[in-house]
Amino acid sequence: MGKNKNKVKKSHVDPERQMSLDALPPNIRGVLTEEEVELFLNAEVWPEEMCEKLNEFLSPE
């Protein structure tokens, strides 16, 4: 089995990330796969494709 590039912590969902996910418009949330939702909630780094889907909602750090 290969290593997952996106480190995911499944033990606890950050409430701020959950609120952010819930605040996404339905048409945007609807294009996220189940895996991308898990990554949104838990991953330290998001895949580029997911960042492109969420581009208009992301702000630079």
C-alpha atoms as a PDB file:
ATOM      1  CA  MET A   1       0.000   0.000   0.000  1.00  0.00           C
ATOM      2  CA  GLY A   2       1.232   3.514  -0.817  1.00  0.00           C
ATOM      3  CA  LYS A   3       1.460   6.351   1.609  1.00  0.00           C
ATOM      4  CA  ASN A   4      -1.295   8.932   1.542  1.00  0.00           C
ATOM      5  CA  LYS A   5       0.245  12.287   0.592  1.00  0.00           C
ATOM      6  CA  ASN A   6      -2.458  14.161   2.451  1.00  0.00           C
ATOM      7  CA  LYS A   7      -2.092  13.540   6.157  1.00  0.00           C
ATOM      8  CA  VAL A   8      -5.528  13.037   7.623  1.00  0.00           C
ATOM      9  CA  LYS A   9      -6.410  13.109  11.303  1.00  0.00           C
ATOM     10  CA  LYS A  10      -9.752  11.360  11.673  1.00  0.00           C
ATOM     11  CA  SER A  11      -9.962  11.470  15.463  1.00  0.00           C
ATOM     12  CA  HIS A  12     -11.480  14.953  15.786  1.00  0.00           C
ATOM     13  CA  VAL A  13     -13.078  17.354  13.337  1.00  0.00           C
ATOM     14  CA  ASP A  14     -12.163  21.007  13.825  1.00  0.00           C
ATOM     15  CA  PRO A  15     -15.433  22.866  14.512  1.00  0.00           C
ATOM     16  CA  GLU A  16     -14.254  25.832  12.398  1.00  0.00           C
ATOM     17  CA  ARG A  17     -13.643  23.554   9.422  1.00  0.00           C
ATOM     18  CA  GLN A  18     -17.085  21.987   9.871  1.00  0.00           C
ATOM     19  CA  MET A  19     -18.664  25.453   9.968  1.00  0.00           C
ATOM     20  CA  SER A  20     -16.741  26.414   6.820  1.00  0.00           C
ATOM     21  CA  LEU A  21     -17.926  23.299   5.028  1.00  0.00           C
ATOM     22  CA  ASP A  22     -21.513  23.918   6.113  1.00  0.00           C
ATOM     23  CA  ALA A  23     -21.266  27.522   4.857  1.00  0.00           C
ATOM     24  CA  LEU A  24     -20.318  26.522   1.304  1.00  0.00           C
ATOM     25  CA  PRO A  25     -23.058  27.063  -1.282  1.00  0.00           C
ATOM     26  CA  PRO A  26     -24.892  23.827  -2.140  1.00  0.00           C
ATOM     27  CA  ASN A  27     -23.669  23.906  -5.749  1.00  0.00           C
ATOM     28  CA  ILE A  28     -20.036  23.965  -4.572  1.00  0.00           C
ATOM     29  CA  ARG A  29     -20.492  21.421  -1.801  1.00  0.00           C
ATOM     30  CA  GLY A  30     -22.281  19.184  -4.287  1.00  0.00           C
ATOM     31  CA  VAL A  31     -19.200  18.874  -6.506  1.00  0.00           C
ATOM     32  CA  LEU A  32     -17.005  17.657  -3.648  1.00  0.00           C
ATOM     33  CA  THR A  33     -16.565  13.907  -3.444  1.00  0.00           C
ATOM     34  CA  GLU A  34     -16.951  12.090  -0.133  1.00  0.00           C
ATOM     35  CA  GLU A  35     -13.154  11.793   0.003  1.00  0.00           C
ATOM     36  CA  GLU A  36     -12.748  15.540  -0.609  1.00  0.00           C
ATOM     37  CA  VAL A  37     -15.187  16.323   2.212  1.00  0.00           C
ATOM     38  CA  GLU A  38     -13.048  14.169   4.538  1.00  0.00           C
ATOM     39  CA  LEU A  39      -9.933  15.985   3.327  1.00  0.00           C
ATOM     40  CA  PHE A  40     -11.640  19.368   3.766  1.00  0.00           C
ATOM     41  CA  LEU A  41     -12.413  18.509   7.373  1.00  0.00           C
ATOM     42  CA  ASN A  42      -9.203  16.740   8.339  1.00  0.00           C
ATOM     43  CA  ALA A  43      -6.230  17.078   5.972  1.00  0.00           C
ATOM     44  CA  GLU A  44      -3.263  19.313   6.639  1.00  0.00           C
ATOM     45  CA  VAL A  45      -2.776  19.790   2.871  1.00  0.00           C
ATOM     46  CA  TRP A  46      -5.513  19.703   0.224  1.00  0.00           C
ATOM     47  CA  PRO A  47      -5.021  18.253  -3.264  1.00  0.00           C
ATOM     48  CA  GLU A  48      -4.630  20.823  -6.054  1.00  0.00           C
ATOM     49  CA  GLU A  49      -7.839  19.675  -7.795  1.00  0.00           C
ATOM     50  CA  MET A  50      -9.834  20.318  -4.624  1.00  0.00           C
ATOM     51  CA  CYS A  51      -8.258  23.765  -4.232  1.00  0.00           C
ATOM     52  CA  GLU A  52      -9.333  24.585  -7.779  1.00  0.00           C
ATOM     53  CA  LYS A  53     -12.936  23.605  -6.985  1.00  0.00           C
ATOM     54  CA  LEU A  54     -12.871  25.884  -3.933  1.00  0.00           C
ATOM     55  CA  ASN A  55     -10.753  28.659  -5.459  1.00  0.00           C
ATOM     56  CA  GLU A  56     -13.313  31.465  -5.146  1.00  0.00           C
ATOM     57  CA  PHE A  57     -13.792  30.665  -1.438  1.00  0.00           C
ATOM     58  CA  LEU A  58     -10.131  30.423  -0.465  1.00  0.00           C
ATOM     59  CA  SER A  59      -8.159  33.389   0.792  1.00  0.00           C
ATOM     60  CA  PRO A  60      -4.362  33.530   0.745  1.00  0.00           C
ATOM     61  CA  GLU A  61      -2.644  32.860   4.051  1.00  0.00           C
END
